[in-house]
Amino acid sequence: MWLDGVSVCVADTKTENYTVDASKLIRTCKQFSQLHVILLSPRFGPLGGMSISDLAGRVKLPVIAISKVRKSLRRVNRRSDSFDISIAGKHVTVSTVGVERKGAESLYRIGCSPYGIVPEAVRVADLLAEELDRTFPK
C-alpha cells in the first residue's frame, strides 16, 4: 500500500451544507482521474450537512458512507441505500449512492486488513485527520 496524495478541506460542519466544499476539493485534486469511489469515514459521527447523494452527483462518482448509526444516515440521505455488510464476521452499516451491496462488500474485502472493519485508506485518513486536529486546534 502507498499513499499517493493527501487533500485537506477545512469545512464548518455547523453550516447547513458543506457538500460544495468537499466536492470542489475532490474534483480539483491531482488524483481525481484515478478515483473510482468516495469512502466517507465514521470518525466524525453523523454526516451533518453532508449529503452523499448530492456529493455523488457533484463529483460523478459512487459514494459509500460508513456508519455505526443507521438512523442518522437514513435521515440525512433519503436518496441513498443503507444496509449492513459482513466483513471478517463483523457487521458494518453503510449508506451508498451508485454502489449496490455486492459492490460495497467487494470494496471492503479488497480494502480492509484481515482483522479490520474499516478500509485501510479510511483508517489512514482518520489518523491524519486526528493528527491535524491535534496539531492545529480550532
Protein backbone atom coordinates (compact mmCIF):
# COMPACT_ATOMS: atom_id res chain seq x y z
CA MET A 1 0.00 0.00 0.00
CA TRP A 2 1.19 3.53 -0.66
CA LEU A 3 -0.22 6.97 -0.11
CA ASP A 4 -0.35 8.87 -3.37
CA GLY A 5 -1.69 12.18 -2.14
CA VAL A 6 -3.42 13.98 0.67
CA SER A 7 -6.03 16.69 0.31
CA VAL A 8 -7.33 18.75 3.20
CA CYS A 9 -10.52 20.74 3.28
CA VAL A 10 -11.46 22.76 6.34
CA ALA A 11 -15.23 22.98 6.47
CA ASP A 12 -17.52 24.35 9.13
CA THR A 13 -19.66 21.34 9.99
CA LYS A 14 -22.16 23.60 11.72
CA THR A 15 -23.17 25.14 8.39
CA GLU A 16 -26.21 23.81 6.61
CA ASN A 17 -24.38 22.08 3.77
CA TYR A 18 -20.65 21.69 3.24
CA THR A 19 -21.02 19.29 0.31
CA VAL A 20 -19.97 22.03 -2.11
CA ASP A 21 -16.59 22.47 -0.36
CA ALA A 22 -15.95 18.72 -0.26
CA SER A 23 -16.92 18.19 -3.90
CA LYS A 24 -14.71 21.07 -5.05
CA LEU A 25 -11.76 19.60 -3.14
CA ILE A 26 -12.32 16.16 -4.68
CA ARG A 27 -12.80 17.42 -8.25
CA THR A 28 -9.68 19.60 -8.15
CA CYS A 29 -7.29 17.11 -6.55
CA LYS A 30 -4.42 15.85 -8.70
CA GLN A 31 -5.55 12.22 -8.33
CA PHE A 32 -9.20 12.80 -9.32
CA SER A 33 -8.88 10.90 -12.61
CA GLN A 34 -7.72 7.83 -10.67
CA LEU A 35 -10.67 7.77 -8.25
CA HIS A 36 -13.36 5.13 -8.61
CA VAL A 37 -15.36 5.60 -5.40
CA ILE A 38 -15.50 8.03 -2.48
CA LEU A 39 -15.39 6.46 1.01
CA LEU A 40 -16.56 8.62 3.91
CA SER A 41 -15.31 7.86 7.40
CA PRO A 42 -17.41 7.28 10.52
CA ARG A 43 -14.78 9.12 12.60
CA PHE A 44 -16.67 12.38 12.73
CA GLY A 45 -20.05 10.83 13.55
CA PRO A 46 -23.21 11.66 11.61
CA LEU A 47 -22.60 13.42 8.32
CA GLY A 48 -24.32 16.61 9.46
CA GLY A 49 -24.74 18.86 6.42
CA MET A 50 -23.08 16.36 4.06
CA SER A 51 -25.48 14.84 1.57
CA ILE A 52 -23.92 11.79 -0.05
CA SER A 53 -26.42 11.82 -2.91
CA ASP A 54 -25.53 15.47 -3.62
CA LEU A 55 -21.80 14.67 -3.31
CA ALA A 56 -22.11 11.73 -5.71
CA GLY A 57 -23.91 13.94 -8.21
CA ARG A 58 -21.34 16.72 -7.97
CA VAL A 59 -18.26 14.50 -8.37
CA LYS A 60 -19.92 11.95 -10.70
CA LEU A 61 -18.58 9.05 -8.62
CA PRO A 62 -20.21 6.47 -6.35
CA VAL A 63 -20.10 7.25 -2.62
CA ILE A 64 -20.02 4.93 0.40
CA ALA A 65 -20.54 6.40 3.87
CA ILE A 66 -19.53 4.12 6.73
CA SER A 67 -21.67 4.43 9.83
CA LYS A 68 -22.47 2.74 13.06
CA VAL A 69 -25.77 4.61 13.40
CA ARG A 70 -28.23 3.62 10.71
CA LYS A 71 -30.89 6.16 11.77
CA SER A 72 -28.70 9.19 11.13
CA LEU A 73 -27.84 8.02 7.62
CA ARG A 74 -31.50 7.42 6.73
CA ARG A 75 -32.49 10.86 7.94
CA VAL A 76 -29.68 12.75 6.18
CA ASN A 77 -29.53 10.74 2.94
CA ARG A 78 -33.04 9.85 1.88
CA ARG A 79 -31.96 9.02 -1.69
CA SER A 80 -29.30 6.51 -0.69
CA ASP A 81 -29.34 2.80 0.12
CA SER A 82 -28.44 1.74 3.67
CA PHE A 83 -27.58 -1.80 4.58
CA ASP A 84 -25.37 -3.95 6.77
CA ILE A 85 -22.43 -5.76 5.23
CA SER A 86 -20.42 -8.51 6.85
CA ILE A 87 -16.64 -8.16 6.94
CA ALA A 88 -14.49 -10.72 8.73
CA GLY A 89 -17.57 -11.86 10.68
CA LYS A 90 -18.37 -8.30 11.85
CA HIS A 91 -21.26 -6.17 10.69
CA VAL A 92 -20.82 -2.65 9.36
CA THR A 93 -23.65 -0.36 8.34
CA VAL A 94 -23.03 1.63 5.17
CA SER A 95 -25.05 4.07 3.13
CA THR A 96 -24.34 4.16 -0.58
CA VAL A 97 -25.12 6.05 -3.76
CA GLY A 98 -24.13 4.38 -7.03
CA VAL A 99 -22.92 1.17 -5.34
CA GLU A 100 -25.02 -1.86 -4.51
CA ARG A 101 -24.47 -4.17 -1.55
CA LYS A 102 -22.34 -6.63 -3.55
CA GLY A 103 -20.05 -3.84 -4.79
CA ALA A 104 -19.67 -2.35 -1.30
CA GLU A 105 -18.81 -5.77 0.16
CA SER A 106 -16.27 -6.35 -2.61
CA LEU A 107 -14.60 -2.97 -1.98
CA TYR A 108 -14.43 -3.77 1.72
CA ARG A 109 -12.87 -7.18 1.19
CA ILE A 110 -10.19 -5.64 -1.02
CA GLY A 111 -9.55 -2.59 1.19
CA CYS A 112 -9.64 -3.99 4.72
CA SER A 113 -6.92 -5.72 6.65
CA PRO A 114 -7.85 -9.29 7.70
CA TYR A 115 -8.95 -8.07 11.15
CA GLY A 116 -10.29 -4.61 10.34
CA ILE A 117 -13.78 -3.42 9.56
CA VAL A 118 -12.71 -0.08 8.08
CA PRO A 119 -10.77 0.04 4.78
CA GLU A 120 -7.08 0.84 5.28
CA ALA A 121 -7.29 4.04 3.20
CA VAL A 122 -10.05 5.33 5.50
CA ARG A 123 -8.11 4.26 8.60
CA VAL A 124 -5.02 6.19 7.40
CA ALA A 125 -7.14 9.24 6.53
CA ASP A 126 -8.64 9.12 10.04
CA LEU A 127 -5.17 9.00 11.59
CA LEU A 128 -4.06 12.00 9.51
CA ALA A 129 -7.22 13.96 10.38
CA GLU A 130 -6.76 13.18 14.06
CA GLU A 131 -3.16 14.43 13.96
CA LEU A 132 -4.20 17.59 12.08
CA ASP A 133 -6.85 18.25 14.73
CA ARG A 134 -4.28 17.80 17.46
CA THR A 135 -1.57 19.86 15.73
CA PHE A 136 -3.80 22.70 14.54
CA PRO A 137 -6.58 23.07 17.12
CA LYS A 138 -9.56 25.17 16.17
